[in-house]
Amino acid sequence: EDMFGPVTNDTTVIVVQVHNRLKYLRELIRSLSLAVGIDKTLLIFSHDVWDEELNVLVRSIDFSQTLQIFYPFSLQTHTHTFPGESTKDCPRDAKQPKALTMSCTNAAWPDIHG
């Protein structure tokens, strides 16, 4: 807060969803560092995995305020339940009529794959 001032109702907030692509995150951060007014912005990095290299990269940002948040149900720790795949999930490409007859978990609300 001392270097960039307080976060207020007028502060621009940018939220970045981080996966496990260090190369792309590094390029995004480089690009953001060149943006006019970035020093008056709060950058929030939302992680769905724990990766020390990603965390170190975000912690190295010195041109803006940052905040890192971590999705509590990581694929790393929940491989066989949400957000990972469960044995009760519908098969990836099952169309809804078939999924309904199978009584799988997401039959009533299929994703983009069916």
PDB file of N, CA and C in Angstrom:
ATOM      1  N   GLU A   1       0.835  -1.195   0.000  1.00  0.00           N
ATOM      2  CA  GLU A   1       0.000   0.000   0.000  1.00  0.00           C
ATOM      3  C   GLU A   1       0.871   1.247   0.000  1.00  0.00           C
ATOM      4  N   ASP A   2       1.994   1.242   0.706  1.00  0.00           N
ATOM      5  CA  ASP A   2       2.823   2.433   0.807  1.00  0.00           C
ATOM      6  C   ASP A   2       3.330   2.895  -0.553  1.00  0.00           C
ATOM      7  N   MET A   3       3.760   1.975  -1.396  1.00  0.00           N
ATOM      8  CA  MET A   3       4.331   2.328  -2.688  1.00  0.00           C
ATOM      9  C   MET A   3       3.265   2.758  -3.699  1.00  0.00           C
ATOM     10  N   PHE A   4       2.080   2.129  -3.664  1.00  0.00           N
ATOM     11  CA  PHE A   4       1.072   2.356  -4.689  1.00  0.00           C
ATOM     12  C   PHE A   4      -0.177   3.067  -4.178  1.00  0.00           C
ATOM     13  N   GLY A   5      -0.295   3.271  -2.880  1.00  0.00           N
ATOM     14  CA  GLY A   5      -1.479   3.906  -2.326  1.00  0.00           C
ATOM     15  C   GLY A   5      -2.549   2.887  -2.003  1.00  0.00           C
ATOM     16  N   PRO A   6      -3.616   3.348  -1.368  1.00  0.00           N
ATOM     17  CA  PRO A   6      -4.669   2.415  -0.951  1.00  0.00           C
ATOM     18  C   PRO A   6      -5.551   1.971  -2.117  1.00  0.00           C
ATOM     19  N   VAL A   7      -6.172   0.815  -1.954  1.00  0.00           N
ATOM     20  CA  VAL A   7      -7.184   0.354  -2.901  1.00  0.00           C
ATOM     21  C   VAL A   7      -8.484   1.047  -2.511  1.00  0.00           C
ATOM     22  N   THR A   8      -9.121   1.685  -3.483  1.00  0.00           N
ATOM     23  CA  THR A   8     -10.364   2.405  -3.220  1.00  0.00           C
ATOM     24  C   THR A   8     -11.441   1.916  -4.176  1.00  0.00           C
ATOM     25  N   ASN A   9     -12.628   2.492  -4.074  1.00  0.00           N
ATOM     26  CA  ASN A   9     -13.711   2.150  -4.992  1.00  0.00           C
ATOM     27  C   ASN A   9     -13.378   2.541  -6.428  1.00  0.00           C
ATOM     28  N   ASP A  10     -12.420   3.429  -6.624  1.00  0.00           N
ATOM     29  CA  ASP A  10     -12.028   3.866  -7.966  1.00  0.00           C
ATOM     30  C   ASP A  10     -10.847   3.085  -8.536  1.00  0.00           C
ATOM     31  N   THR A  11     -10.275   2.195  -7.760  1.00  0.00           N
ATOM     32  CA  THR A  11      -9.125   1.419  -8.222  1.00  0.00           C
ATOM     33  C   THR A  11      -9.563   0.414  -9.281  1.00  0.00           C
ATOM     34  N   THR A  12      -8.818   0.378 -10.377  1.00  0.00           N
ATOM     35  CA  THR A  12      -9.068  -0.630 -11.403  1.00  0.00           C
ATOM     36  C   THR A  12      -8.511  -1.956 -10.910  1.00  0.00           C
ATOM     37  N   VAL A  13      -9.319  -3.002 -11.038  1.00  0.00           N
ATOM     38  CA  VAL A  13      -8.909  -4.344 -10.622  1.00  0.00           C
ATOM     39  C   VAL A  13      -8.893  -5.241 -11.856  1.00  0.00           C
ATOM     40  N   ILE A  14      -7.801  -5.934 -12.049  1.00  0.00           N
ATOM     41  CA  ILE A  14      -7.667  -6.901 -13.134  1.00  0.00           C
ATOM     42  C   ILE A  14      -7.452  -8.270 -12.497  1.00  0.00           C
ATOM     43  N   VAL A  15      -8.294  -9.234 -12.881  1.00  0.00           N
ATOM     44  CA  VAL A  15      -8.175 -10.592 -12.355  1.00  0.00           C
ATOM     45  C   VAL A  15      -7.657 -11.496 -13.465  1.00  0.00           C
ATOM     46  N   VAL A  16      -6.617 -12.245 -13.150  1.00  0.00           N
ATOM     47  CA  VAL A  16      -5.993 -13.161 -14.098  1.00  0.00           C
ATOM     48  C   VAL A  16      -6.166 -14.577 -13.574  1.00  0.00           C
ATOM     49  N   GLN A  17      -6.769 -15.435 -14.372  1.00  0.00           N
ATOM     50  CA  GLN A  17      -6.884 -16.841 -13.998  1.00  0.00           C
ATOM     51  C   GLN A  17      -5.613 -17.551 -14.444  1.00  0.00           C
ATOM     52  N   VAL A  18      -4.892 -18.097 -13.484  1.00  0.00           N
ATOM     53  CA  VAL A  18      -3.600 -18.726 -13.741  1.00  0.00           C
ATOM     54  C   VAL A  18      -3.763 -20.237 -13.772  1.00  0.00           C
ATOM     55  N   HIS A  19      -3.231 -20.845 -14.808  1.00  0.00           N
ATOM     56  CA  HIS A  19      -3.197 -22.305 -14.873  1.00  0.00           C
ATOM     57  C   HIS A  19      -1.748 -22.720 -14.647  1.00  0.00           C
ATOM     58  N   ASN A  20      -1.202 -23.518 -15.476  1.00  0.00           N
ATOM     59  CA  ASN A  20       0.176 -23.970 -15.264  1.00  0.00           C
ATOM     60  C   ASN A  20       1.069 -23.629 -16.456  1.00  0.00           C
ATOM     61  N   ARG A  21       0.834 -22.481 -17.049  1.00  0.00           N
ATOM     62  CA  ARG A  21       1.597 -22.087 -18.240  1.00  0.00           C
ATOM     63  C   ARG A  21       2.509 -20.903 -17.897  1.00  0.00           C
ATOM     64  N   LEU A  22       3.647 -21.202 -17.327  1.00  0.00           N
ATOM     65  CA  LEU A  22       4.589 -20.187 -16.867  1.00  0.00           C
ATOM     66  C   LEU A  22       5.000 -19.243 -17.997  1.00  0.00           C
ATOM     67  N   LYS A  23       5.271 -19.786 -19.158  1.00  0.00           N
ATOM     68  CA  LYS A  23       5.722 -18.984 -20.306  1.00  0.00           C
ATOM     69  C   LYS A  23       4.695 -17.904 -20.658  1.00  0.00           C
ATOM     70  N   TYR A  24       3.415 -18.277 -20.720  1.00  0.00           N
ATOM     71  CA  TYR A  24       2.370 -17.320 -21.083  1.00  0.00           C
ATOM     72  C   TYR A  24       2.131 -16.302 -19.975  1.00  0.00           C
ATOM     73  N   LEU A  25       2.204 -16.743 -18.728  1.00  0.00           N
ATOM     74  CA  LEU A  25       2.025 -15.808 -17.613  1.00  0.00           C
ATOM     75  C   LEU A  25       3.157 -14.789 -17.602  1.00  0.00           C
ATOM     76  N   ARG A  26       4.376 -15.252 -17.848  1.00  0.00           N
ATOM     77  CA  ARG A  26       5.521 -14.341 -17.893  1.00  0.00           C
ATOM     78  C   ARG A  26       5.307 -13.273 -18.977  1.00  0.00           C
ATOM     79  N   GLU A  27       4.815 -13.683 -20.130  1.00  0.00           N
ATOM     80  CA  GLU A  27       4.582 -12.729 -21.224  1.00  0.00           C
ATOM     81  C   GLU A  27       3.450 -11.765 -20.873  1.00  0.00           C
ATOM     82  N   LEU A  28       2.396 -12.255 -20.254  1.00  0.00           N
ATOM     83  CA  LEU A  28       1.303 -11.377 -19.827  1.00  0.00           C
ATOM     84  C   LEU A  28       1.797 -10.338 -18.831  1.00  0.00           C
ATOM     85  N   ILE A  29       2.579 -10.765 -17.870  1.00  0.00           N
ATOM     86  CA  ILE A  29       3.106  -9.841 -16.864  1.00  0.00           C
ATOM     87  C   ILE A  29       4.014  -8.806 -17.510  1.00  0.00           C
ATOM     88  N   ARG A  30       4.844  -9.237 -18.444  1.00  0.00           N
ATOM     89  CA  ARG A  30       5.699  -8.278 -19.159  1.00  0.00           C
ATOM     90  C   ARG A  30       4.851  -7.247 -19.885  1.00  0.00           C
ATOM     91  N   SER A  31       3.800  -7.711 -20.548  1.00  0.00           N
ATOM     92  CA  SER A  31       2.908  -6.822 -21.281  1.00  0.00           C
ATOM     93  C   SER A  31       2.198  -5.854 -20.328  1.00  0.00           C
ATOM     94  N   LEU A  32       1.691  -6.378 -19.217  1.00  0.00           N
ATOM     95  CA  LEU A  32       1.013  -5.516 -18.241  1.00  0.00           C
ATOM     96  C   LEU A  32       1.954  -4.459 -17.682  1.00  0.00           C
ATOM     97  N   SER A  33       3.211  -4.800 -17.517  1.00  0.00           N
ATOM     98  CA  SER A  33       4.173  -3.849 -16.947  1.00  0.00           C
ATOM     99  C   SER A  33       4.345  -2.609 -17.813  1.00  0.00           C
ATOM    100  N   LEU A  34       4.002  -2.719 -19.092  1.00  0.00           N
ATOM    101  CA  LEU A  34       4.144  -1.600 -20.025  1.00  0.00           C
ATOM    102  C   LEU A  34       2.884  -0.746 -20.125  1.00  0.00           C
ATOM    103  N   ALA A  35       1.797  -1.181 -19.498  1.00  0.00           N
ATOM    104  CA  ALA A  35       0.518  -0.475 -19.618  1.00  0.00           C
ATOM    105  C   ALA A  35       0.536   0.824 -18.817  1.00  0.00           C
ATOM    106  N   VAL A  36       0.030   1.872 -19.443  1.00  0.00           N
ATOM    107  CA  VAL A  36      -0.085   3.171 -18.780  1.00  0.00           C
ATOM    108  C   VAL A  36      -1.070   3.054 -17.622  1.00  0.00           C
ATOM    109  N   GLY A  37      -0.673   3.534 -16.457  1.00  0.00           N
ATOM    110  CA  GLY A  37      -1.539   3.525 -15.294  1.00  0.00           C
ATOM    111  C   GLY A  37      -1.568   2.220 -14.528  1.00  0.00           C
ATOM    112  N   ILE A  38      -0.743   1.263 -14.914  1.00  0.00           N
ATOM    113  CA  ILE A  38      -0.752  -0.049 -14.244  1.00  0.00           C
ATOM    114  C   ILE A  38      -0.374   0.091 -12.768  1.00  0.00           C
ATOM    115  N   ASP A  39       0.378   1.133 -12.432  1.00  0.00           N
ATOM    116  CA  ASP A  39       0.771   1.342 -11.036  1.00  0.00           C
ATOM    117  C   ASP A  39      -0.408   1.743 -10.143  1.00  0.00           C
ATOM    118  N   LYS A  40      -1.535   2.078 -10.757  1.00  0.00           N
ATOM    119  CA  LYS A  40      -2.742   2.434 -10.009  1.00  0.00           C
ATOM    120  C   LYS A  40      -3.769   1.296 -10.036  1.00  0.00           C
ATOM    121  N   THR A  41      -3.319   0.122 -10.428  1.00  0.00           N
ATOM    122  CA  THR A  41      -4.188  -1.038 -10.621  1.00  0.00           C
ATOM    123  C   THR A  41      -3.876  -2.108  -9.576  1.00  0.00           C
ATOM    124  N   LEU A  42      -4.898  -2.845  -9.186  1.00  0.00           N
ATOM    125  CA  LEU A  42      -4.704  -4.032  -8.353  1.00  0.00           C
ATOM    126  C   LEU A  42      -4.805  -5.237  -9.263  1.00  0.00           C
ATOM    127  N   LEU A  43      -3.746  -6.041  -9.321  1.00  0.00           N
ATOM    128  CA  LEU A  43      -3.731  -7.273 -10.105  1.00  0.00           C
ATOM    129  C   LEU A  43      -3.994  -8.445  -9.169  1.00  0.00           C
ATOM    130  N   ILE A  44      -5.040  -9.197  -9.454  1.00  0.00           N
ATOM    131  CA  ILE A  44      -5.360 -10.384  -8.671  1.00  0.00           C
ATOM    132  C   ILE A  44      -5.087 -11.605  -9.536  1.00  0.00           C
ATOM    133  N   PHE A  45      -4.292 -12.517  -9.018  1.00  0.00           N
ATOM    134  CA  PHE A  45      -3.958 -13.746  -9.721  1.00  0.00           C
ATOM    135  C   PHE A  45      -4.670 -14.897  -9.013  1.00  0.00           C
ATOM    136  N   SER A  46      -5.581 -15.538  -9.716  1.00  0.00           N
ATOM    137  CA  SER A  46      -6.367 -16.638  -9.178  1.00  0.00           C
ATOM    138  C   SER A  46      -5.793 -17.942  -9.717  1.00  0.00           C
ATOM    139  N   HIS A  47      -5.282 -18.769  -8.811  1.00  0.00           N
ATOM    140  CA  HIS A  47      -4.606 -20.010  -9.193  1.00  0.00           C
ATOM    141  C   HIS A  47      -5.502 -21.220  -8.997  1.00  0.00           C
ATOM    142  N   ASP A  48      -5.438 -22.156  -9.932  1.00  0.00           N
ATOM    143  CA  ASP A  48      -6.122 -23.437  -9.732  1.00  0.00           C
ATOM    144  C   ASP A  48      -5.120 -24.563  -9.477  1.00  0.00           C
ATOM    145  N   VAL A  49      -3.842 -24.216  -9.436  1.00  0.00           N
ATOM    146  CA  VAL A  49      -2.792 -25.168  -9.066  1.00  0.00           C
ATOM    147  C   VAL A  49      -1.782 -24.447  -8.174  1.00  0.00           C
ATOM    148  N   TRP A  50      -1.059 -25.221  -7.384  1.00  0.00           N
ATOM    149  CA  TRP A  50       0.031 -24.668  -6.586  1.00  0.00           C
ATOM    150  C   TRP A  50       1.319 -24.985  -7.328  1.00  0.00           C
ATOM    151  N   ASP A  51       2.021 -23.935  -7.720  1.00  0.00           N
ATOM    152  CA  ASP A  51       3.280 -24.103  -8.433  1.00  0.00           C
ATOM    153  C   ASP A  51       4.219 -23.014  -7.950  1.00  0.00           C
ATOM    154  N   GLU A  52       5.311 -23.399  -7.334  1.00  0.00           N
ATOM    155  CA  GLU A  52       6.217 -22.423  -6.736  1.00  0.00           C
ATOM    156  C   GLU A  52       6.794 -21.456  -7.768  1.00  0.00           C
ATOM    157  N   GLU A  53       7.088 -21.929  -8.979  1.00  0.00           N
ATOM    158  CA  GLU A  53       7.620 -21.028 -10.016  1.00  0.00           C
ATOM    159  C   GLU A  53       6.607 -19.940 -10.370  1.00  0.00           C
ATOM    160  N   LEU A  54       5.335 -20.320 -10.491  1.00  0.00           N
ATOM    161  CA  LEU A  54       4.289 -19.333 -10.771  1.00  0.00           C
ATOM    162  C   LEU A  54       4.179 -18.343  -9.625  1.00  0.00           C
ATOM    163  N   ASN A  55       4.208 -18.846  -8.398  1.00  0.00           N
ATOM    164  CA  ASN A  55       4.082 -17.978  -7.229  1.00  0.00           C
ATOM    165  C   ASN A  55       5.240 -16.988  -7.139  1.00  0.00           C
ATOM    166  N   VAL A  56       6.444 -17.466  -7.394  1.00  0.00           N
ATOM    167  CA  VAL A  56       7.623 -16.592  -7.361  1.00  0.00           C
ATOM    168  C   VAL A  56       7.517 -15.520  -8.435  1.00  0.00           C
ATOM    169  N   LEU A  57       7.071 -15.907  -9.616  1.00  0.00           N
ATOM    170  CA  LEU A  57       6.910 -14.944 -10.700  1.00  0.00           C
ATOM    171  C   LEU A  57       5.930 -13.840 -10.307  1.00  0.00           C
ATOM    172  N   VAL A  58       4.798 -14.201  -9.763  1.00  0.00           N
ATOM    173  CA  VAL A  58       3.810 -13.194  -9.357  1.00  0.00           C
ATOM    174  C   VAL A  58       4.365 -12.329  -8.228  1.00  0.00           C
ATOM    175  N   ARG A  59       5.048 -12.951  -7.283  1.00  0.00           N
ATOM    176  CA  ARG A  59       5.614 -12.176  -6.165  1.00  0.00           C
ATOM    177  C   ARG A  59       6.700 -11.203  -6.635  1.00  0.00           C
ATOM    178  N   SER A  60       7.275 -11.442  -7.808  1.00  0.00           N
ATOM    179  CA  SER A  60       8.334 -10.561  -8.313  1.00  0.00           C
ATOM    180  C   SER A  60       7.797  -9.275  -8.942  1.00  0.00           C
ATOM    181  N   ILE A  61       6.499  -9.173  -9.104  1.00  0.00           N
ATOM    182  CA  ILE A  61       5.909  -7.974  -9.731  1.00  0.00           C
ATOM    183  C   ILE A  61       6.158  -6.762  -8.841  1.00  0.00           C
ATOM    184  N   ASP A  62       6.746  -5.725  -9.436  1.00  0.00           N
ATOM    185  CA  ASP A  62       7.052  -4.522  -8.664  1.00  0.00           C
ATOM    186  C   ASP A  62       6.448  -3.261  -9.266  1.00  0.00           C
ATOM    187  N   PHE A  63       5.551  -3.418 -10.229  1.00  0.00           N
ATOM    188  CA  PHE A  63       4.961  -2.263 -10.904  1.00  0.00           C
ATOM    189  C   PHE A  63       3.506  -2.038 -10.517  1.00  0.00           C
ATOM    190  N   SER A  64       2.946  -2.874  -9.672  1.00  0.00           N
ATOM    191  CA  SER A  64       1.539  -2.790  -9.307  1.00  0.00           C
ATOM    192  C   SER A  64       1.301  -3.552  -8.013  1.00  0.00           C
ATOM    193  N   GLN A  65       0.199  -3.227  -7.349  1.00  0.00           N
ATOM    194  CA  GLN A  65      -0.213  -4.043  -6.214  1.00  0.00           C
ATOM    195  C   GLN A  65      -0.698  -5.386  -6.747  1.00  0.00           C
ATOM    196  N   THR A  66      -0.423  -6.444  -6.006  1.00  0.00           N
ATOM    197  CA  THR A  66      -0.866  -7.768  -6.421  1.00  0.00           C
ATOM    198  C   THR A  66      -1.490  -8.504  -5.249  1.00  0.00           C
ATOM    199  N   LEU A  67      -2.318  -9.461  -5.587  1.00  0.00           N
ATOM    200  CA  LEU A  67      -2.922 -10.358  -4.616  1.00  0.00           C
ATOM    201  C   LEU A  67      -3.024 -11.712  -5.289  1.00  0.00           C
ATOM    202  N   GLN A  68      -2.613 -12.767  -4.589  1.00  0.00           N
ATOM    203  CA  GLN A  68      -2.754 -14.116  -5.120  1.00  0.00           C
ATOM    204  C   GLN A  68      -3.825 -14.836  -4.314  1.00  0.00           C
ATOM    205  N   ILE A  69      -4.737 -15.485  -5.023  1.00  0.00           N
ATOM    206  CA  ILE A  69      -5.733 -16.313  -4.361  1.00  0.00           C
ATOM    207  C   ILE A  69      -5.647 -17.702  -4.972  1.00  0.00           C
ATOM    208  N   PHE A  70      -6.019 -18.698  -4.190  1.00  0.00           N
ATOM    209  CA  PHE A  70      -5.884 -20.083  -4.626  1.00  0.00           C
ATOM    210  C   PHE A  70      -7.225 -20.785  -4.500  1.00  0.00           C
ATOM    211  N   TYR A  71      -7.651 -21.395  -5.591  1.00  0.00           N
ATOM    212  CA  TYR A  71      -8.900 -22.136  -5.591  1.00  0.00           C
ATOM    213  C   TYR A  71      -8.776 -23.271  -4.580  1.00  0.00           C
ATOM    214  N   PRO A  72      -9.714 -23.386  -3.645  1.00  0.00           N
ATOM    215  CA  PRO A  72      -9.545 -24.358  -2.555  1.00  0.00           C
ATOM    216  C   PRO A  72      -9.602 -25.825  -2.991  1.00  0.00           C
ATOM    217  N   PHE A  73     -10.249 -26.119  -4.101  1.00  0.00           N
ATOM    218  CA  PHE A  73     -10.333 -27.495  -4.575  1.00  0.00           C
ATOM    219  C   PHE A  73      -9.457 -27.635  -5.817  1.00  0.00           C
ATOM    220  N   SER A  74      -8.184 -27.858  -5.591  1.00  0.00           N
ATOM    221  CA  SER A  74      -7.220 -27.955  -6.677  1.00  0.00           C
ATOM    222  C   SER A  74      -7.311 -29.309  -7.366  1.00  0.00           C
ATOM    223  N   LEU A  75      -7.070 -29.312  -8.662  1.00  0.00           N
ATOM    224  CA  LEU A  75      -6.976 -30.576  -9.400  1.00  0.00           C
ATOM    225  C   LEU A  75      -5.863 -31.455  -8.841  1.00  0.00           C
ATOM    226  N   GLN A  76      -4.851 -30.826  -8.252  1.00  0.00           N
ATOM    227  CA  GLN A  76      -3.740 -31.590  -7.696  1.00  0.00           C
ATOM    228  C   GLN A  76      -4.181 -32.437  -6.506  1.00  0.00           C
ATOM    229  N   THR A  77      -5.132 -31.939  -5.718  1.00  0.00           N
ATOM    230  CA  THR A  77      -5.547 -32.648  -4.506  1.00  0.00           C
ATOM    231  C   THR A  77      -6.902 -33.315  -4.639  1.00  0.00           C
ATOM    232  N   HIS A  78      -7.646 -32.998  -5.695  1.00  0.00           N
ATOM    233  CA  HIS A  78      -8.988 -33.550  -5.893  1.00  0.00           C
ATOM    234  C   HIS A  78      -9.099 -34.171  -7.295  1.00  0.00           C
ATOM    235  N   THR A  79      -8.250 -35.157  -7.550  1.00  0.00           N
ATOM    236  CA  THR A  79      -8.197 -35.736  -8.891  1.00  0.00           C
ATOM    237  C   THR A  79      -9.419 -36.583  -9.232  1.00  0.00           C
ATOM    238  N   HIS A  80     -10.094 -37.133  -8.225  1.00  0.00           N
ATOM    239  CA  HIS A  80     -11.219 -38.030  -8.486  1.00  0.00           C
ATOM    240  C   HIS A  80     -12.553 -37.476  -7.996  1.00  0.00           C
ATOM    241  N   THR A  81     -12.572 -36.198  -7.628  1.00  0.00           N
ATOM    242  CA  THR A  81     -13.801 -35.483  -7.268  1.00  0.00           C
ATOM    243  C   THR A  81     -13.684 -34.083  -7.843  1.00  0.00           C
ATOM    244  N   PHE A  82     -14.776 -33.307  -7.785  1.00  0.00           N
ATOM    245  CA  PHE A  82     -14.738 -31.957  -8.331  1.00  0.00           C
ATOM    246  C   PHE A  82     -13.568 -31.185  -7.754  1.00  0.00           C
ATOM    247  N   PRO A  83     -12.786 -30.518  -8.581  1.00  0.00           N
ATOM    248  CA  PRO A  83     -12.957 -30.230  -9.993  1.00  0.00           C
ATOM    249  C   PRO A  83     -12.383 -31.296 -10.922  1.00  0.00           C
ATOM    250  N   GLY A  84     -11.786 -32.342 -10.361  1.00  0.00           N
ATOM    251  CA  GLY A  84     -11.292 -33.446 -11.187  1.00  0.00           C
ATOM    252  C   GLY A  84     -12.447 -34.304 -11.668  1.00  0.00           C
ATOM    253  N   GLU A  85     -12.121 -35.375 -12.338  1.00  0.00           N
ATOM    254  CA  GLU A  85     -13.151 -36.273 -12.856  1.00  0.00           C
ATOM    255  C   GLU A  85     -13.538 -37.297 -11.801  1.00  0.00           C
ATOM    256  N   SER A  86     -14.821 -37.503 -11.655  1.00  0.00           N
ATOM    257  CA  SER A  86     -15.348 -38.489 -10.725  1.00  0.00           C
ATOM    258  C   SER A  86     -15.872 -39.684 -11.518  1.00  0.00           C
ATOM    259  N   THR A  87     -15.890 -40.826 -10.918  1.00  0.00           N
ATOM    260  CA  THR A  87     -16.440 -42.007 -11.583  1.00  0.00           C
ATOM    261  C   THR A  87     -17.939 -41.848 -11.833  1.00  0.00           C
ATOM    262  N   LYS A  88     -18.577 -40.916 -11.130  1.00  0.00           N
ATOM    263  CA  LYS A  88     -20.014 -40.682 -11.311  1.00  0.00           C
ATOM    264  C   LYS A  88     -20.306 -39.628 -12.384  1.00  0.00           C
ATOM    265  N   ASP A  89     -19.264 -38.975 -12.923  1.00  0.00           N
ATOM    266  CA  ASP A  89     -19.451 -38.002 -13.998  1.00  0.00           C
ATOM    267  C   ASP A  89     -19.913 -38.712 -15.264  1.00  0.00           C
ATOM    268  N   CYS A  90     -20.641 -37.987 -16.091  1.00  0.00           N
ATOM    269  CA  CYS A  90     -21.034 -38.526 -17.389  1.00  0.00           C
ATOM    270  C   CYS A  90     -19.792 -38.649 -18.276  1.00  0.00           C
ATOM    271  N   PRO A  91     -19.778 -39.615 -19.170  1.00  0.00           N
ATOM    272  CA  PRO A  91     -18.669 -39.694 -20.116  1.00  0.00           C
ATOM    273  C   PRO A  91     -18.542 -38.375 -20.890  1.00  0.00           C
ATOM    274  N   ARG A  92     -17.356 -38.013 -21.219  1.00  0.00           N
ATOM    275  CA  ARG A  92     -17.048 -36.714 -21.819  1.00  0.00           C
ATOM    276  C   ARG A  92     -17.953 -36.355 -22.995  1.00  0.00           C
ATOM    277  N   ASP A  93     -18.183 -37.273 -23.918  1.00  0.00           N
ATOM    278  CA  ASP A  93     -18.950 -36.948 -25.122  1.00  0.00           C
ATOM    279  C   ASP A  93     -20.362 -37.531 -25.128  1.00  0.00           C
ATOM    280  N   ALA A  94     -20.871 -37.899 -23.961  1.00  0.00           N
ATOM    281  CA  ALA A  94     -22.237 -38.434 -23.893  1.00  0.00           C
ATOM    282  C   ALA A  94     -23.242 -37.309 -24.131  1.00  0.00           C
ATOM    283  N   LYS A  95     -24.135 -37.499 -25.065  1.00  0.00           N
ATOM    284  CA  LYS A  95     -25.196 -36.523 -25.305  1.00  0.00           C
ATOM    285  C   LYS A  95     -26.212 -36.616 -24.179  1.00  0.00           C
ATOM    286  N   GLN A  96     -26.953 -35.533 -23.959  1.00  0.00           N
ATOM    287  CA  GLN A  96     -27.844 -35.472 -22.808  1.00  0.00           C
ATOM    288  C   GLN A  96     -28.866 -36.605 -22.724  1.00  0.00           C
ATOM    289  N   PRO A  97     -29.535 -36.996 -23.817  1.00  0.00           N
ATOM    290  CA  PRO A  97     -30.501 -38.101 -23.682  1.00  0.00           C
ATOM    291  C   PRO A  97     -29.850 -39.379 -23.137  1.00  0.00           C
ATOM    292  N   LYS A  98     -28.651 -39.696 -23.637  1.00  0.00           N
ATOM    293  CA  LYS A  98     -27.960 -40.894 -23.153  1.00  0.00           C
ATOM    294  C   LYS A  98     -27.523 -40.702 -21.700  1.00  0.00           C
ATOM    295  N   ALA A  99     -27.024 -39.513 -21.385  1.00  0.00           N
ATOM    296  CA  ALA A  99     -26.572 -39.239 -20.018  1.00  0.00           C
ATOM    297  C   ALA A  99     -27.721 -39.367 -19.024  1.00  0.00           C
ATOM    298  N   LEU A 100     -28.911 -38.917 -19.419  1.00  0.00           N
ATOM    299  CA  LEU A 100     -30.069 -39.018 -18.524  1.00  0.00           C
ATOM    300  C   LEU A 100     -30.420 -40.478 -18.238  1.00  0.00           C
ATOM    301  N   THR A 101     -30.280 -41.343 -19.231  1.00  0.00           N
ATOM    302  CA  THR A 101     -30.570 -42.765 -19.001  1.00  0.00           C
ATOM    303  C   THR A 101     -29.496 -43.425 -18.138  1.00  0.00           C
ATOM    304  N   MET A 102     -28.287 -42.845 -18.155  1.00  0.00           N
ATOM    305  CA  MET A 102     -27.185 -43.382 -17.351  1.00  0.00           C
ATOM    306  C   MET A 102     -27.239 -42.898 -15.904  1.00  0.00           C
ATOM    307  N   SER A 103     -28.018 -41.832 -15.652  1.00  0.00           N
ATOM    308  CA  SER A 103     -28.119 -41.224 -14.313  1.00  0.00           C
ATOM    309  C   SER A 103     -26.766 -40.775 -13.766  1.00  0.00           C
ATOM    310  N   CYS A 104     -25.911 -40.273 -14.644  1.00  0.00           N
ATOM    311  CA  CYS A 104     -24.623 -39.781 -14.165  1.00  0.00           C
ATOM    312  C   CYS A 104     -24.800 -38.377 -13.579  1.00  0.00           C
ATOM    313  N   THR A 105     -23.817 -37.926 -12.828  1.00  0.00           N
ATOM    314  CA  THR A 105     -23.924 -36.721 -12.019  1.00  0.00           C
ATOM    315  C   THR A 105     -24.374 -35.484 -12.793  1.00  0.00           C
ATOM    316  N   ASN A 106     -23.761 -35.189 -13.899  1.00  0.00           N
ATOM    317  CA  ASN A 106     -24.038 -33.945 -14.611  1.00  0.00           C
ATOM    318  C   ASN A 106     -24.964 -34.133 -15.819  1.00  0.00           C
ATOM    319  N   ALA A 107     -25.809 -35.134 -15.794  1.00  0.00           N
ATOM    320  CA  ALA A 107     -26.711 -35.405 -16.925  1.00  0.00           C
ATOM    321  C   ALA A 107     -27.665 -34.249 -17.185  1.00  0.00           C
ATOM    322  N   ALA A 108     -28.133 -33.603 -16.141  1.00  0.00           N
ATOM    323  CA  ALA A 108     -29.116 -32.516 -16.300  1.00  0.00           C
ATOM    324  C   ALA A 108     -28.469 -31.209 -16.767  1.00  0.00           C
ATOM    325  N   TRP A 109     -27.182 -31.061 -16.608  1.00  0.00           N
ATOM    326  CA  TRP A 109     -26.493 -29.840 -17.019  1.00  0.00           C
ATOM    327  C   TRP A 109     -25.168 -30.194 -17.712  1.00  0.00           C
ATOM    328  N   PRO A 110     -25.262 -30.654 -18.940  1.00  0.00           N
ATOM    329  CA  PRO A 110     -24.055 -31.062 -19.678  1.00  0.00           C
ATOM    330  C   PRO A 110     -23.133 -29.868 -19.956  1.00  0.00           C
ATOM    331  N   ASP A 111     -21.849 -30.162 -20.095  1.00  0.00           N
ATOM    332  CA  ASP A 111     -20.904 -29.107 -20.454  1.00  0.00           C
ATOM    333  C   ASP A 111     -20.786 -29.037 -21.967  1.00  0.00           C
ATOM    334  N   ILE A 112     -19.772 -28.372 -22.468  1.00  0.00           N
ATOM    335  CA  ILE A 112     -19.659 -28.161 -23.916  1.00  0.00           C
ATOM    336  C   ILE A 112     -19.423 -29.453 -24.683  1.00  0.00           C
ATOM    337  N   HIS A 113     -19.062 -30.516 -24.002  1.00  0.00           N
ATOM    338  CA  HIS A 113     -18.782 -31.779 -24.674  1.00  0.00           C
ATOM    339  C   HIS A 113     -20.018 -32.673 -24.761  1.00  0.00           C
ATOM    340  N   GLY A 114     -21.114 -32.256 -24.166  1.00  0.00           N
ATOM    341  CA  GLY A 114     -22.318 -33.079 -24.221  1.00  0.00           C
ATOM    342  C   GLY A 114     -22.972 -33.218 -22.870  1.00  0.00           C
TER     343      GLY A 114
END
